[in-house]
Amino acid sequence: YPNPFNPITTLEFDVAYSGVVNFTFYNINGQIVESISPKFYIPGNYSINWEPQDVPSGIYFIQMKTESSVHLQKVMLLK
């Protein structure tokens, strides 16, 4: 939230099992525009902020990847 956003969006997520979580941000063409270093989480609720730098307005995909699942969320950056 919010979505659309400018200049920052908050990603809320739940971790069911302890493990490494990796976030990757893609543009509409599937190119990686940013990634967050993988981090170990224990079960619980978390949030992180994404404030993209030097990218144009448009649609982006945020991929959250764990050892057992992959989730994809579409967001729109409006400058």
PDB file of N, CA and C in Angstrom:
ATOM      1  N   TYR A   1       0.844  -1.169   0.000  1.00  0.00           N
ATOM      2  CA  TYR A   1       0.000   0.000   0.000  1.00  0.00           C
ATOM      3  C   TYR A   1       0.882   1.222   0.000  1.00  0.00           C
ATOM      4  N   PRO A   2       0.539   2.335  -0.488  1.00  0.00           N
ATOM      5  CA  PRO A   2      -0.598   2.455  -1.403  1.00  0.00           C
ATOM      6  C   PRO A   2      -0.250   1.888  -2.775  1.00  0.00           C
ATOM      7  N   ASN A   3      -1.253   1.700  -3.569  1.00  0.00           N
ATOM      8  CA  ASN A   3      -1.054   1.249  -4.948  1.00  0.00           C
ATOM      9  C   ASN A   3      -2.170   1.855  -5.791  1.00  0.00           C
ATOM     10  N   PRO A   4      -1.864   2.770  -6.694  1.00  0.00           N
ATOM     11  CA  PRO A   4      -0.561   3.293  -7.132  1.00  0.00           C
ATOM     12  C   PRO A   4       0.153   4.056  -6.006  1.00  0.00           C
ATOM     13  N   PHE A   5       1.485   4.219  -6.206  1.00  0.00           N
ATOM     14  CA  PHE A   5       2.279   4.873  -5.175  1.00  0.00           C
ATOM     15  C   PHE A   5       3.236   5.889  -5.764  1.00  0.00           C
ATOM     16  N   ASN A   6       3.679   6.801  -4.916  1.00  0.00           N
ATOM     17  CA  ASN A   6       4.692   7.800  -5.231  1.00  0.00           C
ATOM     18  C   ASN A   6       5.080   8.467  -3.928  1.00  0.00           C
ATOM     19  N   PRO A   7       6.278   8.459  -3.509  1.00  0.00           N
ATOM     20  CA  PRO A   7       7.461   7.809  -4.061  1.00  0.00           C
ATOM     21  C   PRO A   7       7.775   6.470  -3.411  1.00  0.00           C
ATOM     22  N   ILE A   8       6.969   6.036  -2.429  1.00  0.00           N
ATOM     23  CA  ILE A   8       7.315   4.854  -1.648  1.00  0.00           C
ATOM     24  C   ILE A   8       6.082   3.981  -1.441  1.00  0.00           C
ATOM     25  N   THR A   9       6.286   2.675  -1.405  1.00  0.00           N
ATOM     26  CA  THR A   9       5.202   1.751  -1.106  1.00  0.00           C
ATOM     27  C   THR A   9       5.656   0.786  -0.019  1.00  0.00           C
ATOM     28  N   THR A  10       4.709   0.337   0.768  1.00  0.00           N
ATOM     29  CA  THR A  10       4.986  -0.592   1.856  1.00  0.00           C
ATOM     30  C   THR A  10       4.476  -1.971   1.479  1.00  0.00           C
ATOM     31  N   LEU A  11       5.323  -2.968   1.635  1.00  0.00           N
ATOM     32  CA  LEU A  11       4.966  -4.344   1.330  1.00  0.00           C
ATOM     33  C   LEU A  11       4.775  -5.084   2.643  1.00  0.00           C
ATOM     34  N   GLU A  12       3.560  -5.548   2.883  1.00  0.00           N
ATOM     35  CA  GLU A  12       3.285  -6.333   4.076  1.00  0.00           C
ATOM     36  C   GLU A  12       3.230  -7.799   3.679  1.00  0.00           C
ATOM     37  N   PHE A  13       3.853  -8.666   4.477  1.00  0.00           N
ATOM     38  CA  PHE A  13       3.879 -10.080   4.137  1.00  0.00           C
ATOM     39  C   PHE A  13       3.957 -10.930   5.395  1.00  0.00           C
ATOM     40  N   ASP A  14       3.502 -12.164   5.257  1.00  0.00           N
ATOM     41  CA  ASP A  14       3.533 -13.132   6.347  1.00  0.00           C
ATOM     42  C   ASP A  14       4.528 -14.224   6.003  1.00  0.00           C
ATOM     43  N   VAL A  15       5.238 -14.678   7.001  1.00  0.00           N
ATOM     44  CA  VAL A  15       6.158 -15.796   6.845  1.00  0.00           C
ATOM     45  C   VAL A  15       5.608 -16.946   7.687  1.00  0.00           C
ATOM     46  N   ALA A  16       5.302 -18.060   7.035  1.00  0.00           N
ATOM     47  CA  ALA A  16       4.729 -19.209   7.734  1.00  0.00           C
ATOM     48  C   ALA A  16       5.799 -20.115   8.340  1.00  0.00           C
ATOM     49  N   TYR A  17       6.934 -20.224   7.670  1.00  0.00           N
ATOM     50  CA  TYR A  17       8.011 -21.107   8.116  1.00  0.00           C
ATOM     51  C   TYR A  17       9.330 -20.345   8.107  1.00  0.00           C
ATOM     52  N   SER A  18      10.179 -20.618   9.066  1.00  0.00           N
ATOM     53  CA  SER A  18      11.488 -19.971   9.109  1.00  0.00           C
ATOM     54  C   SER A  18      12.243 -20.251   7.820  1.00  0.00           C
ATOM     55  N   GLY A  19      12.906 -19.220   7.312  1.00  0.00           N
ATOM     56  CA  GLY A  19      13.695 -19.406   6.113  1.00  0.00           C
ATOM     57  C   GLY A  19      14.079 -18.086   5.481  1.00  0.00           C
ATOM     58  N   VAL A  20      14.786 -18.183   4.379  1.00  0.00           N
ATOM     59  CA  VAL A  20      15.271 -17.018   3.647  1.00  0.00           C
ATOM     60  C   VAL A  20      14.179 -16.507   2.718  1.00  0.00           C
ATOM     61  N   VAL A  21      13.995 -15.189   2.718  1.00  0.00           N
ATOM     62  CA  VAL A  21      13.034 -14.536   1.833  1.00  0.00           C
ATOM     63  C   VAL A  21      13.809 -13.568   0.946  1.00  0.00           C
ATOM     64  N   ASN A  22      13.492 -13.586  -0.345  1.00  0.00           N
ATOM     65  CA  ASN A  22      14.164 -12.734  -1.316  1.00  0.00           C
ATOM     66  C   ASN A  22      13.120 -11.923  -2.077  1.00  0.00           C
ATOM     67  N   PHE A  23      13.346 -10.617  -2.212  1.00  0.00           N
ATOM     68  CA  PHE A  23      12.465  -9.751  -2.980  1.00  0.00           C
ATOM     69  C   PHE A  23      13.188  -9.260  -4.225  1.00  0.00           C
ATOM     70  N   THR A  24      12.517  -9.381  -5.374  1.00  0.00           N
ATOM     71  CA  THR A  24      13.055  -8.899  -6.641  1.00  0.00           C
ATOM     72  C   THR A  24      11.982  -8.041  -7.309  1.00  0.00           C
ATOM     73  N   PHE A  25      12.396  -6.931  -7.898  1.00  0.00           N
ATOM     74  CA  PHE A  25      11.486  -5.981  -8.526  1.00  0.00           C
ATOM     75  C   PHE A  25      11.757  -5.953 -10.029  1.00  0.00           C
ATOM     76  N   TYR A  26      10.700  -6.165 -10.812  1.00  0.00           N
ATOM     77  CA  TYR A  26      10.806  -6.245 -12.269  1.00  0.00           C
ATOM     78  C   TYR A  26       9.992  -5.147 -12.929  1.00  0.00           C
ATOM     79  N   ASN A  27      10.465  -4.678 -14.090  1.00  0.00           N
ATOM     80  CA  ASN A  27       9.647  -3.765 -14.883  1.00  0.00           C
ATOM     81  C   ASN A  27       8.687  -4.576 -15.740  1.00  0.00           C
ATOM     82  N   ILE A  28       7.881  -3.903 -16.526  1.00  0.00           N
ATOM     83  CA  ILE A  28       6.852  -4.560 -17.334  1.00  0.00           C
ATOM     84  C   ILE A  28       7.460  -5.482 -18.396  1.00  0.00           C
ATOM     85  N   ASN A  29       8.728  -5.268 -18.732  1.00  0.00           N
ATOM     86  CA  ASN A  29       9.414  -6.106 -19.715  1.00  0.00           C
ATOM     87  C   ASN A  29      10.103  -7.313 -19.089  1.00  0.00           C
ATOM     88  N   GLY A  30       9.964  -7.473 -17.771  1.00  0.00           N
ATOM     89  CA  GLY A  30      10.572  -8.603 -17.091  1.00  0.00           C
ATOM     90  C   GLY A  30      12.022  -8.390 -16.697  1.00  0.00           C
ATOM     91  N   GLN A  31      12.521  -7.169 -16.846  1.00  0.00           N
ATOM     92  CA  GLN A  31      13.909  -6.866 -16.476  1.00  0.00           C
ATOM     93  C   GLN A  31      13.977  -6.520 -14.989  1.00  0.00           C
ATOM     94  N   ILE A  32      14.985  -7.020 -14.307  1.00  0.00           N
ATOM     95  CA  ILE A  32      15.166  -6.705 -12.888  1.00  0.00           C
ATOM     96  C   ILE A  32      15.590  -5.250 -12.759  1.00  0.00           C
ATOM     97  N   VAL A  33      14.856  -4.485 -11.948  1.00  0.00           N
ATOM     98  CA  VAL A  33      15.217  -3.091 -11.702  1.00  0.00           C
ATOM     99  C   VAL A  33      15.842  -2.906 -10.321  1.00  0.00           C
ATOM    100  N   GLU A  34      15.568  -3.862  -9.417  1.00  0.00           N
ATOM    101  CA  GLU A  34      16.146  -3.788  -8.081  1.00  0.00           C
ATOM    102  C   GLU A  34      15.900  -5.125  -7.379  1.00  0.00           C
ATOM    103  N   SER A  35      16.725  -5.409  -6.406  1.00  0.00           N
ATOM    104  CA  SER A  35      16.481  -6.578  -5.556  1.00  0.00           C
ATOM    105  C   SER A  35      16.956  -6.241  -4.146  1.00  0.00           C
ATOM    106  N   ILE A  36      16.371  -6.920  -3.194  1.00  0.00           N
ATOM    107  CA  ILE A  36      16.752  -6.736  -1.797  1.00  0.00           C
ATOM    108  C   ILE A  36      17.525  -7.981  -1.386  1.00  0.00           C
ATOM    109  N   SER A  37      18.626  -7.792  -0.716  1.00  0.00           N
ATOM    110  CA  SER A  37      19.443  -8.923  -0.288  1.00  0.00           C
ATOM    111  C   SER A  37      18.595  -9.921   0.484  1.00  0.00           C
ATOM    112  N   PRO A  38      18.766 -11.205   0.201  1.00  0.00           N
ATOM    113  CA  PRO A  38      17.998 -12.225   0.925  1.00  0.00           C
ATOM    114  C   PRO A  38      18.221 -12.096   2.435  1.00  0.00           C
ATOM    115  N   LYS A  39      17.153 -12.343   3.176  1.00  0.00           N
ATOM    116  CA  LYS A  39      17.211 -12.209   4.630  1.00  0.00           C
ATOM    117  C   LYS A  39      16.465 -13.373   5.276  1.00  0.00           C
ATOM    118  N   PHE A  40      16.972 -13.844   6.399  1.00  0.00           N
ATOM    119  CA  PHE A  40      16.337 -14.933   7.134  1.00  0.00           C
ATOM    120  C   PHE A  40      15.239 -14.371   8.032  1.00  0.00           C
ATOM    121  N   TYR A  41      14.042 -14.959   7.964  1.00  0.00           N
ATOM    122  CA  TYR A  41      12.907 -14.546   8.784  1.00  0.00           C
ATOM    123  C   TYR A  41      12.390 -15.752   9.569  1.00  0.00           C
ATOM    124  N   ILE A  42      11.901 -15.486  10.764  1.00  0.00           N
ATOM    125  CA  ILE A  42      11.173 -16.499  11.517  1.00  0.00           C
ATOM    126  C   ILE A  42       9.688 -16.254  11.266  1.00  0.00           C
ATOM    127  N   PRO A  43       8.810 -17.217  11.563  1.00  0.00           N
ATOM    128  CA  PRO A  43       7.378 -17.019  11.301  1.00  0.00           C
ATOM    129  C   PRO A  43       6.842 -15.748  11.954  1.00  0.00           C
ATOM    130  N   GLY A  44       6.017 -15.031  11.193  1.00  0.00           N
ATOM    131  CA  GLY A  44       5.432 -13.799  11.713  1.00  0.00           C
ATOM    132  C   GLY A  44       4.994 -12.881  10.594  1.00  0.00           C
ATOM    133  N   ASN A  45       4.552 -11.688  10.975  1.00  0.00           N
ATOM    134  CA  ASN A  45       4.112 -10.650  10.037  1.00  0.00           C
ATOM    135  C   ASN A  45       5.194  -9.590   9.935  1.00  0.00           C
ATOM    136  N   TYR A  46       5.468  -9.153   8.710  1.00  0.00           N
ATOM    137  CA  TYR A  46       6.547  -8.192   8.469  1.00  0.00           C
ATOM    138  C   TYR A  46       6.105  -7.156   7.447  1.00  0.00           C
ATOM    139  N   SER A  47       6.869  -6.089   7.353  1.00  0.00           N
ATOM    140  CA  SER A  47       6.673  -5.111   6.285  1.00  0.00           C
ATOM    141  C   SER A  47       8.031  -4.528   5.913  1.00  0.00           C
ATOM    142  N   ILE A  48       8.168  -4.213   4.637  1.00  0.00           N
ATOM    143  CA  ILE A  48       9.356  -3.520   4.137  1.00  0.00           C
ATOM    144  C   ILE A  48       8.882  -2.391   3.240  1.00  0.00           C
ATOM    145  N   ASN A  49       9.715  -1.405   3.051  1.00  0.00           N
ATOM    146  CA  ASN A  49       9.399  -0.282   2.166  1.00  0.00           C
ATOM    147  C   ASN A  49      10.215  -0.390   0.892  1.00  0.00           C
ATOM    148  N   TRP A  50       9.587  -0.006  -0.220  1.00  0.00           N
ATOM    149  CA  TRP A  50      10.311   0.077  -1.490  1.00  0.00           C
ATOM    150  C   TRP A  50      10.180   1.498  -2.006  1.00  0.00           C
ATOM    151  N   GLU A  51      11.328   2.135  -2.180  1.00  0.00           N
ATOM    152  CA  GLU A  51      11.393   3.490  -2.721  1.00  0.00           C
ATOM    153  C   GLU A  51      12.305   3.441  -3.949  1.00  0.00           C
ATOM    154  N   PRO A  52      11.711   3.148  -5.121  1.00  0.00           N
ATOM    155  CA  PRO A  52      12.549   2.982  -6.310  1.00  0.00           C
ATOM    156  C   PRO A  52      13.248   4.284  -6.699  1.00  0.00           C
ATOM    157  N   GLN A  53      14.482   4.128  -7.136  1.00  0.00           N
ATOM    158  CA  GLN A  53      15.295   5.263  -7.569  1.00  0.00           C
ATOM    159  C   GLN A  53      15.590   5.133  -9.059  1.00  0.00           C
ATOM    160  N   ASP A  54      15.521   6.233  -9.763  1.00  0.00           N
ATOM    161  CA  ASP A  54      15.920   6.283 -11.174  1.00  0.00           C
ATOM    162  C   ASP A  54      15.146   5.318 -12.064  1.00  0.00           C
ATOM    163  N   VAL A  55      13.863   5.132 -11.787  1.00  0.00           N
ATOM    164  CA  VAL A  55      13.009   4.343 -12.672  1.00  0.00           C
ATOM    165  C   VAL A  55      11.799   5.199 -13.035  1.00  0.00           C
ATOM    166  N   PRO A  56      11.298   5.049 -14.261  1.00  0.00           N
ATOM    167  CA  PRO A  56      10.171   5.879 -14.692  1.00  0.00           C
ATOM    168  C   PRO A  56       8.843   5.397 -14.111  1.00  0.00           C
ATOM    169  N   SER A  57       7.826   6.217 -14.262  1.00  0.00           N
ATOM    170  CA  SER A  57       6.472   5.802 -13.923  1.00  0.00           C
ATOM    171  C   SER A  57       6.123   4.562 -14.714  1.00  0.00           C
ATOM    172  N   GLY A  58       5.303   3.706 -14.140  1.00  0.00           N
ATOM    173  CA  GLY A  58       4.882   2.523 -14.867  1.00  0.00           C
ATOM    174  C   GLY A  58       4.481   1.399 -13.941  1.00  0.00           C
ATOM    175  N   ILE A  59       4.244   0.254 -14.541  1.00  0.00           N
ATOM    176  CA  ILE A  59       3.850  -0.934 -13.806  1.00  0.00           C
ATOM    177  C   ILE A  59       5.087  -1.762 -13.482  1.00  0.00           C
ATOM    178  N   TYR A  60       5.137  -2.245 -12.252  1.00  0.00           N
ATOM    179  CA  TYR A  60       6.250  -3.071 -11.787  1.00  0.00           C
ATOM    180  C   TYR A  60       5.686  -4.311 -11.097  1.00  0.00           C
ATOM    181  N   PHE A  61       6.470  -5.358 -11.094  1.00  0.00           N
ATOM    182  CA  PHE A  61       6.099  -6.597 -10.438  1.00  0.00           C
ATOM    183  C   PHE A  61       7.078  -6.855  -9.306  1.00  0.00           C
ATOM    184  N   ILE A  62       6.537  -7.186  -8.140  1.00  0.00           N
ATOM    185  CA  ILE A  62       7.351  -7.487  -6.977  1.00  0.00           C
ATOM    186  C   ILE A  62       7.228  -8.978  -6.716  1.00  0.00           C
ATOM    187  N   GLN A  63       8.363  -9.657  -6.729  1.00  0.00           N
ATOM    188  CA  GLN A  63       8.378 -11.093  -6.486  1.00  0.00           C
ATOM    189  C   GLN A  63       8.958 -11.362  -5.102  1.00  0.00           C
ATOM    190  N   MET A  64       8.185 -12.091  -4.295  1.00  0.00           N
ATOM    191  CA  MET A  64       8.654 -12.557  -2.988  1.00  0.00           C
ATOM    192  C   MET A  64       8.869 -14.050  -3.109  1.00  0.00           C
ATOM    193  N   LYS A  65      10.092 -14.483  -2.873  1.00  0.00           N
ATOM    194  CA  LYS A  65      10.430 -15.889  -3.063  1.00  0.00           C
ATOM    195  C   LYS A  65      10.968 -16.469  -1.762  1.00  0.00           C
ATOM    196  N   THR A  66      10.398 -17.619  -1.373  1.00  0.00           N
ATOM    197  CA  THR A  66      10.893 -18.364  -0.220  1.00  0.00           C
ATOM    198  C   THR A  66      11.332 -19.738  -0.723  1.00  0.00           C
ATOM    199  N   GLU A  67      11.790 -20.578   0.198  1.00  0.00           N
ATOM    200  CA  GLU A  67      12.204 -21.919  -0.201  1.00  0.00           C
ATOM    201  C   GLU A  67      11.028 -22.754  -0.711  1.00  0.00           C
ATOM    202  N   SER A  68       9.805 -22.410  -0.277  1.00  0.00           N
ATOM    203  CA  SER A  68       8.648 -23.227  -0.633  1.00  0.00           C
ATOM    204  C   SER A  68       7.597 -22.529  -1.488  1.00  0.00           C
ATOM    205  N   SER A  69       7.743 -21.233  -1.753  1.00  0.00           N
ATOM    206  CA  SER A  69       6.714 -20.543  -2.532  1.00  0.00           C
ATOM    207  C   SER A  69       7.258 -19.304  -3.235  1.00  0.00           C
ATOM    208  N   VAL A  70       6.470 -18.860  -4.213  1.00  0.00           N
ATOM    209  CA  VAL A  70       6.766 -17.626  -4.939  1.00  0.00           C
ATOM    210  C   VAL A  70       5.466 -16.836  -5.041  1.00  0.00           C
ATOM    211  N   HIS A  71       5.515 -15.571  -4.681  1.00  0.00           N
ATOM    212  CA  HIS A  71       4.347 -14.695  -4.775  1.00  0.00           C
ATOM    213  C   HIS A  71       4.712 -13.508  -5.644  1.00  0.00           C
ATOM    214  N   LEU A  72       3.745 -13.063  -6.444  1.00  0.00           N
ATOM    215  CA  LEU A  72       3.972 -11.937  -7.357  1.00  0.00           C
ATOM    216  C   LEU A  72       2.874 -10.908  -7.135  1.00  0.00           C
ATOM    217  N   GLN A  73       3.277  -9.630  -7.036  1.00  0.00           N
ATOM    218  CA  GLN A  73       2.329  -8.543  -6.837  1.00  0.00           C
ATOM    219  C   GLN A  73       2.614  -7.454  -7.869  1.00  0.00           C
ATOM    220  N   LYS A  74       1.556  -6.945  -8.492  1.00  0.00           N
ATOM    221  CA  LYS A  74       1.689  -5.862  -9.467  1.00  0.00           C
ATOM    222  C   LYS A  74       1.440  -4.530  -8.754  1.00  0.00           C
ATOM    223  N   VAL A  75       2.321  -3.566  -9.006  1.00  0.00           N
ATOM    224  CA  VAL A  75       2.163  -2.219  -8.437  1.00  0.00           C
ATOM    225  C   VAL A  75       2.389  -1.193  -9.550  1.00  0.00           C
ATOM    226  N   MET A  76       1.877   0.017  -9.303  1.00  0.00           N
ATOM    227  CA  MET A  76       2.042   1.089 -10.291  1.00  0.00           C
ATOM    228  C   MET A  76       2.700   2.293  -9.619  1.00  0.00           C
ATOM    229  N   LEU A  77       3.807   2.738 -10.212  1.00  0.00           N
ATOM    230  CA  LEU A  77       4.527   3.921  -9.760  1.00  0.00           C
ATOM    231  C   LEU A  77       4.064   5.106 -10.601  1.00  0.00           C
ATOM    232  N   LEU A  78       3.580   6.144  -9.942  1.00  0.00           N
ATOM    233  CA  LEU A  78       3.174   7.377 -10.622  1.00  0.00           C
ATOM    234  C   LEU A  78       4.046   8.512 -10.131  1.00  0.00           C
ATOM    235  N   LYS A  79       4.789   9.118 -11.054  1.00  0.00           N
ATOM    236  CA  LYS A  79       5.650  10.248 -10.671  1.00  0.00           C
ATOM    237  C   LYS A  79       5.013  11.540 -11.092  1.00  0.00           C
TER     238      LYS A  79
END
